[in-house]
């Protein structure tokens, strides 16, 4: 199989699979002020959570948080039980991670979406030997005419890329750096395609492809969530993600009923390898 065919097959398998766990978060302040962010649906114990970047939530009033929950692409105010950061937070915190806990009845009603189990979350990854897949909802892809009418039609994208080695300016216990070129290849087109700027992908998931031999097949169910996108380093052609253990520690700290489950998961990964 030629390399392009292999890449196309990987994207065609990964995109619909990872999109099932991806959800847009919209800060809807009104016609002239709004912001699009991304999140990943996760279930730990009995809790249903949206994992996202902290800056998507810090300082945002509760009634401005909206999401899409149906095929009709209608944005509604997001009912939730708790959140972190809070609406009065001055910033996202050092790790720039956050969550929204949503009621179980709302979680069940979200169409065509699933919640990722804890065993598919892989902490302590700074680099990955094979490729990774970044998912999210770029704000640049919102049709301008629709936006002017307060209709925000969002489409998820998946970007197959690779991690970079940490450098002296980046903490290898905090960050994952991945390549993000604005000129890329779209699997359904033979020529180059201009990628949207990653504004709006913030909070989206970074997925590690399974480690297999050259002749082995892999299943999308074997992909694991390793990071949360938080910033774009435009001059370096890369995006910066937070390693997922920092999000898990936030959850363990805020939910006493989940602390033992999360701590056991973190310890097993740290002691016996990721």
C-alpha atoms as a PDB file:
ATOM      1  CA  UNK A   1       0.000   0.000   0.000  1.00  0.00           C
ATOM      2  CA  UNK A   2       1.375   3.436  -0.930  1.00  0.00           C
ATOM      3  CA  UNK A   3       1.912   5.969   1.868  1.00  0.00           C
ATOM      4  CA  UNK A   4      -0.907   8.305   0.769  1.00  0.00           C
ATOM      5  CA  UNK A   5      -3.401   5.432   0.705  1.00  0.00           C
ATOM      6  CA  UNK A   6      -2.291   4.440   4.190  1.00  0.00           C
ATOM      7  CA  UNK A   7      -2.746   8.017   5.421  1.00  0.00           C
ATOM      8  CA  UNK A   8      -6.165   8.332   3.791  1.00  0.00           C
ATOM      9  CA  UNK A   9      -7.305   5.076   5.383  1.00  0.00           C
ATOM     10  CA  UNK A  10      -6.077   6.195   8.800  1.00  0.00           C
ATOM     11  CA  UNK A  11      -7.934   9.507   8.594  1.00  0.00           C
ATOM     12  CA  UNK A  12     -11.092   7.869   7.257  1.00  0.00           C
ATOM     13  CA  UNK A  13     -11.059   5.490  10.228  1.00  0.00           C
ATOM     14  CA  UNK A  14     -10.046   8.022  12.884  1.00  0.00           C
ATOM     15  CA  UNK A  15     -12.281  10.959  11.982  1.00  0.00           C
ATOM     16  CA  UNK A  16     -15.740   9.432  12.512  1.00  0.00           C
ATOM     17  CA  UNK A  17     -14.497   7.551  15.560  1.00  0.00           C
ATOM     18  CA  UNK A  18     -12.943  10.484  17.425  1.00  0.00           C
ATOM     19  CA  UNK A  19     -15.727  12.877  16.385  1.00  0.00           C
ATOM     20  CA  UNK A  20     -18.156  10.736  18.411  1.00  0.00           C
ATOM     21  CA  UNK A  21     -16.377  11.959  21.547  1.00  0.00           C
ATOM     22  CA  UNK A  22     -15.893  15.567  20.393  1.00  0.00           C
ATOM     23  CA  UNK A  23     -18.269  18.419  21.144  1.00  0.00           C
ATOM     24  CA  UNK A  24     -18.222  22.166  20.424  1.00  0.00           C
ATOM     25  CA  UNK A  25     -18.524  24.619  23.300  1.00  0.00           C
ATOM     26  CA  UNK A  26     -19.727  28.059  22.425  1.00  0.00           C
ATOM     27  CA  UNK A  27     -19.466  31.204  24.498  1.00  0.00           C
ATOM     28  CA  UNK A  28     -22.507  32.971  23.119  1.00  0.00           C
ATOM     29  CA  UNK A  29     -22.556  36.552  24.385  1.00  0.00           C
ATOM     30  CA  UNK A  30     -24.630  37.971  21.540  1.00  0.00           C
ATOM     31  CA  UNK A  31     -24.468  38.856  17.883  1.00  0.00           C
ATOM     32  CA  UNK A  32     -21.156  40.744  18.006  1.00  0.00           C
ATOM     33  CA  UNK A  33     -19.306  38.776  20.651  1.00  0.00           C
ATOM     34  CA  UNK A  34     -18.854  35.026  20.686  1.00  0.00           C
ATOM     35  CA  UNK A  35     -16.172  32.417  20.870  1.00  0.00           C
ATOM     36  CA  UNK A  36     -15.975  28.786  19.779  1.00  0.00           C
ATOM     37  CA  UNK A  37     -14.084  26.176  21.766  1.00  0.00           C
ATOM     38  CA  UNK A  38     -13.841  22.389  21.744  1.00  0.00           C
ATOM     39  CA  UNK A  39     -14.163  19.571  24.242  1.00  0.00           C
ATOM     40  CA  UNK A  40     -14.024  15.800  24.649  1.00  0.00           C
ATOM     41  CA  UNK A  41     -16.798  13.786  26.307  1.00  0.00           C
ATOM     42  CA  UNK A  42     -15.470  11.591  29.139  1.00  0.00           C
ATOM     43  CA  UNK A  43     -17.180   9.320  31.678  1.00  0.00           C
ATOM     44  CA  UNK A  44     -15.428   8.499  34.945  1.00  0.00           C
ATOM     45  CA  UNK A  45     -17.393   6.529  37.503  1.00  0.00           C
ATOM     46  CA  UNK A  46     -20.927   7.907  37.432  1.00  0.00           C
ATOM     47  CA  UNK A  47     -19.826  11.360  36.248  1.00  0.00           C
ATOM     48  CA  UNK A  48     -20.288  12.711  32.734  1.00  0.00           C
ATOM     49  CA  UNK A  49     -17.712  15.375  31.917  1.00  0.00           C
ATOM     50  CA  UNK A  50     -16.581  17.590  29.065  1.00  0.00           C
ATOM     51  CA  UNK A  51     -12.795  17.868  29.136  1.00  0.00           C
ATOM     52  CA  UNK A  52     -11.596  21.168  27.715  1.00  0.00           C
ATOM     53  CA  UNK A  53      -9.039  23.945  28.046  1.00  0.00           C
ATOM     54  CA  UNK A  54      -9.410  26.160  31.102  1.00  0.00           C
ATOM     55  CA  UNK A  55      -9.336  29.376  29.080  1.00  0.00           C
ATOM     56  CA  UNK A  56     -12.566  28.298  27.340  1.00  0.00           C
ATOM     57  CA  UNK A  57     -14.386  28.677  30.661  1.00  0.00           C
ATOM     58  CA  UNK A  58     -12.483  31.181  32.798  1.00  0.00           C
ATOM     59  CA  UNK A  59     -14.497  34.347  33.287  1.00  0.00           C
ATOM     60  CA  UNK A  60     -17.391  33.165  31.091  1.00  0.00           C
ATOM     61  CA  UNK A  61     -20.857  33.610  32.649  1.00  0.00           C
ATOM     62  CA  UNK A  62     -22.818  30.391  33.123  1.00  0.00           C
ATOM     63  CA  UNK A  63     -25.647  31.505  30.847  1.00  0.00           C
ATOM     64  CA  UNK A  64     -23.241  32.151  27.960  1.00  0.00           C
ATOM     65  CA  UNK A  65     -22.134  28.508  27.665  1.00  0.00           C
ATOM     66  CA  UNK A  66     -23.927  26.762  24.797  1.00  0.00           C
ATOM     67  CA  UNK A  67     -23.521  23.498  22.927  1.00  0.00           C
ATOM     68  CA  UNK A  68     -25.036  21.510  20.094  1.00  0.00           C
ATOM     69  CA  UNK A  69     -26.966  18.448  21.171  1.00  0.00           C
ATOM     70  CA  UNK A  70     -28.831  17.384  18.024  1.00  0.00           C
ATOM     71  CA  UNK A  71     -28.591  16.976  14.266  1.00  0.00           C
ATOM     72  CA  UNK A  72     -30.468  20.243  13.827  1.00  0.00           C
ATOM     73  CA  UNK A  73     -27.336  22.157  14.904  1.00  0.00           C
ATOM     74  CA  UNK A  74     -29.372  24.230  17.341  1.00  0.00           C
ATOM     75  CA  UNK A  75     -27.307  25.746  20.114  1.00  0.00           C
ATOM     76  CA  UNK A  76     -28.877  25.726  23.535  1.00  0.00           C
ATOM     77  CA  UNK A  77     -27.672  26.876  26.912  1.00  0.00           C
ATOM     78  CA  UNK A  78     -25.632  24.124  28.486  1.00  0.00           C
ATOM     79  CA  UNK A  79     -27.229  22.697  31.643  1.00  0.00           C
ATOM     80  CA  UNK A  80     -24.495  21.604  34.006  1.00  0.00           C
ATOM     81  CA  UNK A  81     -23.890  20.518  37.581  1.00  0.00           C
ATOM     82  CA  UNK A  82     -20.515  22.121  38.104  1.00  0.00           C
ATOM     83  CA  UNK A  83     -17.601  23.587  36.213  1.00  0.00           C
ATOM     84  CA  UNK A  84     -13.981  24.540  36.663  1.00  0.00           C
ATOM     85  CA  UNK A  85     -12.805  27.268  36.074  1.00  0.00           C
ATOM     86  CA  UNK A  86     -15.736  29.230  37.494  1.00  0.00           C
ATOM     87  CA  UNK A  87     -17.330  32.250  35.874  1.00  0.00           C
ATOM     88  CA  UNK A  88     -15.460  34.585  38.242  1.00  0.00           C
ATOM     89  CA  UNK A  89     -12.043  33.010  37.632  1.00  0.00           C
ATOM     90  CA  UNK A  90      -9.358  35.478  36.609  1.00  0.00           C
ATOM     91  CA  UNK A  91      -7.538  32.930  34.441  1.00  0.00           C
ATOM     92  CA  UNK A  92      -7.302  29.286  33.440  1.00  0.00           C
ATOM     93  CA  UNK A  93      -4.499  28.201  35.788  1.00  0.00           C
ATOM     94  CA  UNK A  94      -1.010  27.003  34.929  1.00  0.00           C
ATOM     95  CA  UNK A  95      -2.057  23.759  33.207  1.00  0.00           C
ATOM     96  CA  UNK A  96      -4.937  25.442  31.306  1.00  0.00           C
ATOM     97  CA  UNK A  97      -7.371  22.569  31.810  1.00  0.00           C
ATOM     98  CA  UNK A  98     -11.047  22.625  32.715  1.00  0.00           C
ATOM     99  CA  UNK A  99     -14.225  20.614  32.764  1.00  0.00           C
ATOM    100  CA  UNK A 100     -17.997  20.870  32.702  1.00  0.00           C
ATOM    101  CA  UNK A 101     -20.008  18.202  34.504  1.00  0.00           C
ATOM    102  CA  UNK A 102     -23.342  17.588  32.842  1.00  0.00           C
ATOM    103  CA  UNK A 103     -26.377  15.745  34.271  1.00  0.00           C
ATOM    104  CA  UNK A 104     -26.790  12.102  33.270  1.00  0.00           C
ATOM    105  CA  UNK A 105     -30.156  12.746  31.608  1.00  0.00           C
ATOM    106  CA  UNK A 106     -28.567  15.431  29.407  1.00  0.00           C
ATOM    107  CA  UNK A 107     -25.602  13.166  28.618  1.00  0.00           C
ATOM    108  CA  UNK A 108     -27.916  10.411  27.453  1.00  0.00           C
ATOM    109  CA  UNK A 109     -29.823  12.834  25.224  1.00  0.00           C
ATOM    110  CA  UNK A 110     -26.768  14.013  23.271  1.00  0.00           C
ATOM    111  CA  UNK A 111     -27.259  12.426  19.881  1.00  0.00           C
ATOM    112  CA  UNK A 112     -24.540  10.636  17.924  1.00  0.00           C
ATOM    113  CA  UNK A 113     -22.042  11.111  20.756  1.00  0.00           C
ATOM    114  CA  UNK A 114     -20.350   8.789  23.227  1.00  0.00           C
ATOM    115  CA  UNK A 115     -18.391   9.277  26.438  1.00  0.00           C
ATOM    116  CA  UNK A 116     -14.797   8.044  26.539  1.00  0.00           C
ATOM    117  CA  UNK A 117     -13.987   5.599  29.376  1.00  0.00           C
ATOM    118  CA  UNK A 118     -11.037   6.162  31.693  1.00  0.00           C
ATOM    119  CA  UNK A 119      -9.141   3.148  30.353  1.00  0.00           C
ATOM    120  CA  UNK A 120      -8.732   4.957  27.028  1.00  0.00           C
ATOM    121  CA  UNK A 121      -6.996   7.947  28.602  1.00  0.00           C
ATOM    122  CA  UNK A 122      -3.203   7.715  28.556  1.00  0.00           C
ATOM    123  CA  UNK A 123      -1.243  10.085  30.829  1.00  0.00           C
ATOM    124  CA  UNK A 124       2.448  11.030  30.951  1.00  0.00           C
ATOM    125  CA  UNK A 125       2.998  11.328  27.195  1.00  0.00           C
ATOM    126  CA  UNK A 126       5.325  14.097  26.007  1.00  0.00           C
ATOM    127  CA  UNK A 127       6.125  12.559  22.606  1.00  0.00           C
ATOM    128  CA  UNK A 128       4.643   9.665  20.657  1.00  0.00           C
ATOM    129  CA  UNK A 129       6.596   7.362  18.300  1.00  0.00           C
ATOM    130  CA  UNK A 130       3.872   7.107  15.687  1.00  0.00           C
ATOM    131  CA  UNK A 131       1.324   9.636  14.502  1.00  0.00           C
ATOM    132  CA  UNK A 132      -1.295  11.527  16.492  1.00  0.00           C
ATOM    133  CA  UNK A 133      -4.728  12.911  15.590  1.00  0.00           C
ATOM    134  CA  UNK A 134      -5.926  16.353  16.693  1.00  0.00           C
ATOM    135  CA  UNK A 135      -9.679  17.028  16.732  1.00  0.00           C
ATOM    136  CA  UNK A 136     -11.729  20.163  17.299  1.00  0.00           C
ATOM    137  CA  UNK A 137     -14.049  22.806  15.853  1.00  0.00           C
ATOM    138  CA  UNK A 138     -12.203  25.639  14.058  1.00  0.00           C
ATOM    139  CA  UNK A 139     -13.949  29.000  14.350  1.00  0.00           C
ATOM    140  CA  UNK A 140     -12.672  29.907  10.895  1.00  0.00           C
ATOM    141  CA  UNK A 141     -14.964  27.303   9.338  1.00  0.00           C
ATOM    142  CA  UNK A 142     -18.154  29.000  10.573  1.00  0.00           C
ATOM    143  CA  UNK A 143     -19.898  30.490   7.502  1.00  0.00           C
ATOM    144  CA  UNK A 144     -19.819  34.291   7.875  1.00  0.00           C
ATOM    145  CA  UNK A 145     -23.332  34.808   6.478  1.00  0.00           C
ATOM    146  CA  UNK A 146     -24.723  32.320   8.971  1.00  0.00           C
ATOM    147  CA  UNK A 147     -22.815  33.877  11.859  1.00  0.00           C
ATOM    148  CA  UNK A 148     -24.329  37.267  11.094  1.00  0.00           C
ATOM    149  CA  UNK A 149     -27.739  35.674  11.596  1.00  0.00           C
ATOM    150  CA  UNK A 150     -26.665  34.118  14.907  1.00  0.00           C
ATOM    151  CA  UNK A 151     -26.460  30.664  13.303  1.00  0.00           C
ATOM    152  CA  UNK A 152     -23.157  28.997  14.041  1.00  0.00           C
ATOM    153  CA  UNK A 153     -22.804  25.879  11.931  1.00  0.00           C
ATOM    154  CA  UNK A 154     -19.698  24.099  13.186  1.00  0.00           C
ATOM    155  CA  UNK A 155     -17.850  21.190  11.630  1.00  0.00           C
ATOM    156  CA  UNK A 156     -15.210  19.121  13.376  1.00  0.00           C
ATOM    157  CA  UNK A 157     -11.874  18.524  11.715  1.00  0.00           C
ATOM    158  CA  UNK A 158      -9.246  15.903  12.343  1.00  0.00           C
ATOM    159  CA  UNK A 159      -5.586  16.580  11.677  1.00  0.00           C
ATOM    160  CA  UNK A 160      -3.150  13.674  11.351  1.00  0.00           C
ATOM    161  CA  UNK A 161       0.259  14.850  12.494  1.00  0.00           C
ATOM    162  CA  UNK A 162       3.291  14.049  14.664  1.00  0.00           C
ATOM    163  CA  UNK A 163       4.645  15.175  18.007  1.00  0.00           C
ATOM    164  CA  UNK A 164       7.839  17.170  18.352  1.00  0.00           C
ATOM    165  CA  UNK A 165      10.642  16.643  20.802  1.00  0.00           C
ATOM    166  CA  UNK A 166      10.442  19.001  23.805  1.00  0.00           C
ATOM    167  CA  UNK A 167      12.809  21.955  23.791  1.00  0.00           C
ATOM    168  CA  UNK A 168      14.382  24.030  26.530  1.00  0.00           C
ATOM    169  CA  UNK A 169      11.487  26.491  26.519  1.00  0.00           C
ATOM    170  CA  UNK A 170       8.835  23.793  27.070  1.00  0.00           C
ATOM    171  CA  UNK A 171       8.192  21.648  30.125  1.00  0.00           C
ATOM    172  CA  UNK A 172       8.203  17.990  29.067  1.00  0.00           C
ATOM    173  CA  UNK A 173       6.083  17.097  32.108  1.00  0.00           C
ATOM    174  CA  UNK A 174       3.377  19.553  31.030  1.00  0.00           C
ATOM    175  CA  UNK A 175       3.286  20.005  27.261  1.00  0.00           C
ATOM    176  CA  UNK A 176       2.951  18.039  24.055  1.00  0.00           C
ATOM    177  CA  UNK A 177       4.023  19.903  20.918  1.00  0.00           C
ATOM    178  CA  UNK A 178       2.573  18.770  17.584  1.00  0.00           C
ATOM    179  CA  UNK A 179       3.144  19.974  14.043  1.00  0.00           C
ATOM    180  CA  UNK A 180       0.365  22.103  12.548  1.00  0.00           C
ATOM    181  CA  UNK A 181       0.980  23.339   9.022  1.00  0.00           C
ATOM    182  CA  UNK A 182      -1.588  25.665   7.449  1.00  0.00           C
ATOM    183  CA  UNK A 183      -0.942  24.085   4.063  1.00  0.00           C
ATOM    184  CA  UNK A 184      -1.755  20.413   4.284  1.00  0.00           C
ATOM    185  CA  UNK A 185      -3.307  17.540   2.336  1.00  0.00           C
ATOM    186  CA  UNK A 186      -7.023  16.872   2.489  1.00  0.00           C
ATOM    187  CA  UNK A 187      -7.789  13.182   2.097  1.00  0.00           C
ATOM    188  CA  UNK A 188     -10.613  13.785  -0.385  1.00  0.00           C
ATOM    189  CA  UNK A 189      -8.611  16.118  -2.610  1.00  0.00           C
ATOM    190  CA  UNK A 190      -5.416  15.393  -4.546  1.00  0.00           C
ATOM    191  CA  UNK A 191      -3.964  18.879  -4.108  1.00  0.00           C
ATOM    192  CA  UNK A 192      -2.925  20.887  -1.072  1.00  0.00           C
ATOM    193  CA  UNK A 193      -5.640  22.325   1.146  1.00  0.00           C
ATOM    194  CA  UNK A 194      -5.417  25.412   3.319  1.00  0.00           C
ATOM    195  CA  UNK A 195      -6.002  24.323   6.899  1.00  0.00           C
ATOM    196  CA  UNK A 196      -8.051  26.617   9.128  1.00  0.00           C
ATOM    197  CA  UNK A 197      -6.175  28.433  11.850  1.00  0.00           C
ATOM    198  CA  UNK A 198      -6.612  26.433  15.039  1.00  0.00           C
ATOM    199  CA  UNK A 199      -8.624  29.074  16.902  1.00  0.00           C
ATOM    200  CA  UNK A 200     -11.624  27.163  18.224  1.00  0.00           C
ATOM    201  CA  UNK A 201      -9.750  23.863  18.384  1.00  0.00           C
ATOM    202  CA  UNK A 202      -8.625  24.908  21.874  1.00  0.00           C
ATOM    203  CA  UNK A 203      -9.869  22.292  24.305  1.00  0.00           C
ATOM    204  CA  UNK A 204     -10.008  19.630  21.592  1.00  0.00           C
ATOM    205  CA  UNK A 205      -8.524  16.191  22.050  1.00  0.00           C
ATOM    206  CA  UNK A 206      -5.125  14.884  20.975  1.00  0.00           C
ATOM    207  CA  UNK A 207      -5.296  11.173  20.224  1.00  0.00           C
ATOM    208  CA  UNK A 208      -2.394   8.700  19.991  1.00  0.00           C
ATOM    209  CA  UNK A 209      -2.575   6.089  17.250  1.00  0.00           C
ATOM    210  CA  UNK A 210      -1.949   2.483  18.355  1.00  0.00           C
ATOM    211  CA  UNK A 211       1.585   1.108  18.268  1.00  0.00           C
ATOM    212  CA  UNK A 212       1.661  -1.715  15.710  1.00  0.00           C
ATOM    213  CA  UNK A 213       4.061  -3.348  13.332  1.00  0.00           C
ATOM    214  CA  UNK A 214       4.200  -2.357   9.681  1.00  0.00           C
ATOM    215  CA  UNK A 215       2.039  -5.277   8.578  1.00  0.00           C
ATOM    216  CA  UNK A 216      -0.401  -5.208  11.486  1.00  0.00           C
ATOM    217  CA  UNK A 217      -3.885  -3.756  11.377  1.00  0.00           C
ATOM    218  CA  UNK A 218      -5.204  -1.518  14.133  1.00  0.00           C
ATOM    219  CA  UNK A 219      -8.642  -0.628  15.367  1.00  0.00           C
ATOM    220  CA  UNK A 220      -9.781   2.974  16.062  1.00  0.00           C
ATOM    221  CA  UNK A 221     -10.970   1.705  19.469  1.00  0.00           C
ATOM    222  CA  UNK A 222      -7.283   1.324  20.341  1.00  0.00           C
ATOM    223  CA  UNK A 223      -6.602   5.060  20.052  1.00  0.00           C
ATOM    224  CA  UNK A 224      -6.067   6.840  23.364  1.00  0.00           C
ATOM    225  CA  UNK A 225      -6.597  10.413  24.519  1.00  0.00           C
ATOM    226  CA  UNK A 226      -3.236  11.893  25.549  1.00  0.00           C
ATOM    227  CA  UNK A 227      -3.716  15.681  25.565  1.00  0.00           C
ATOM    228  CA  UNK A 228      -5.903  18.774  25.400  1.00  0.00           C
ATOM    229  CA  UNK A 229      -5.059  21.500  22.883  1.00  0.00           C
ATOM    230  CA  UNK A 230      -4.456  24.919  24.428  1.00  0.00           C
ATOM    231  CA  UNK A 231      -2.492  27.259  22.156  1.00  0.00           C
ATOM    232  CA  UNK A 232      -1.084  27.869  18.702  1.00  0.00           C
ATOM    233  CA  UNK A 233       2.585  28.731  18.229  1.00  0.00           C
ATOM    234  CA  UNK A 234       2.153  30.310  14.818  1.00  0.00           C
ATOM    235  CA  UNK A 235       5.799  31.131  14.147  1.00  0.00           C
ATOM    236  CA  UNK A 236       6.799  27.553  14.971  1.00  0.00           C
ATOM    237  CA  UNK A 237       4.040  25.885  12.914  1.00  0.00           C
ATOM    238  CA  UNK A 238       2.833  23.847  15.853  1.00  0.00           C
ATOM    239  CA  UNK A 239       0.160  23.686  18.524  1.00  0.00           C
ATOM    240  CA  UNK A 240       0.691  23.118  22.204  1.00  0.00           C
ATOM    241  CA  UNK A 241      -1.332  20.591  24.185  1.00  0.00           C
ATOM    242  CA  UNK A 242      -1.508  19.857  27.898  1.00  0.00           C
ATOM    243  CA  UNK A 243      -0.675  16.287  28.890  1.00  0.00           C
ATOM    244  CA  UNK A 244      -3.875  14.617  30.051  1.00  0.00           C
ATOM    245  CA  UNK A 245      -2.698  13.729  33.582  1.00  0.00           C
ATOM    246  CA  UNK A 246      -3.103  17.394  34.569  1.00  0.00           C
ATOM    247  CA  UNK A 247      -6.782  17.254  33.637  1.00  0.00           C
ATOM    248  CA  UNK A 248      -7.197  13.974  35.527  1.00  0.00           C
ATOM    249  CA  UNK A 249      -5.617  15.501  38.635  1.00  0.00           C
ATOM    250  CA  UNK A 250      -8.033  18.428  38.463  1.00  0.00           C
ATOM    251  CA  UNK A 251     -10.933  15.973  38.339  1.00  0.00           C
ATOM    252  CA  UNK A 252      -9.554  13.888  41.234  1.00  0.00           C
ATOM    253  CA  UNK A 253      -9.136  17.021  43.343  1.00  0.00           C
ATOM    254  CA  UNK A 254     -12.662  18.308  42.679  1.00  0.00           C
ATOM    255  CA  UNK A 255     -14.561  14.998  42.898  1.00  0.00           C
ATOM    256  CA  UNK A 256     -13.781  13.036  46.085  1.00  0.00           C
ATOM    257  CA  UNK A 257     -15.835  10.092  44.809  1.00  0.00           C
ATOM    258  CA  UNK A 258     -13.559   9.833  41.744  1.00  0.00           C
ATOM    259  CA  UNK A 259     -10.221  10.434  43.466  1.00  0.00           C
ATOM    260  CA  UNK A 260      -9.472   6.771  44.184  1.00  0.00           C
ATOM    261  CA  UNK A 261     -10.354   5.666  40.650  1.00  0.00           C
ATOM    262  CA  UNK A 262      -8.282   8.395  39.016  1.00  0.00           C
ATOM    263  CA  UNK A 263      -5.323   7.989  41.379  1.00  0.00           C
ATOM    264  CA  UNK A 264      -5.221   4.241  40.738  1.00  0.00           C
ATOM    265  CA  UNK A 265      -5.249   4.872  36.981  1.00  0.00           C
ATOM    266  CA  UNK A 266      -2.431   7.414  37.234  1.00  0.00           C
ATOM    267  CA  UNK A 267      -0.329   5.189  39.490  1.00  0.00           C
ATOM    268  CA  UNK A 268      -0.712   2.145  37.276  1.00  0.00           C
ATOM    269  CA  UNK A 269       0.342   4.114  34.214  1.00  0.00           C
ATOM    270  CA  UNK A 270       3.294   5.686  36.009  1.00  0.00           C
ATOM    271  CA  UNK A 271       4.588   2.472  37.629  1.00  0.00           C
ATOM    272  CA  UNK A 272       4.077  -0.012  34.817  1.00  0.00           C
ATOM    273  CA  UNK A 273       4.494   2.208  31.792  1.00  0.00           C
ATOM    274  CA  UNK A 274       2.081   3.954  29.504  1.00  0.00           C
END
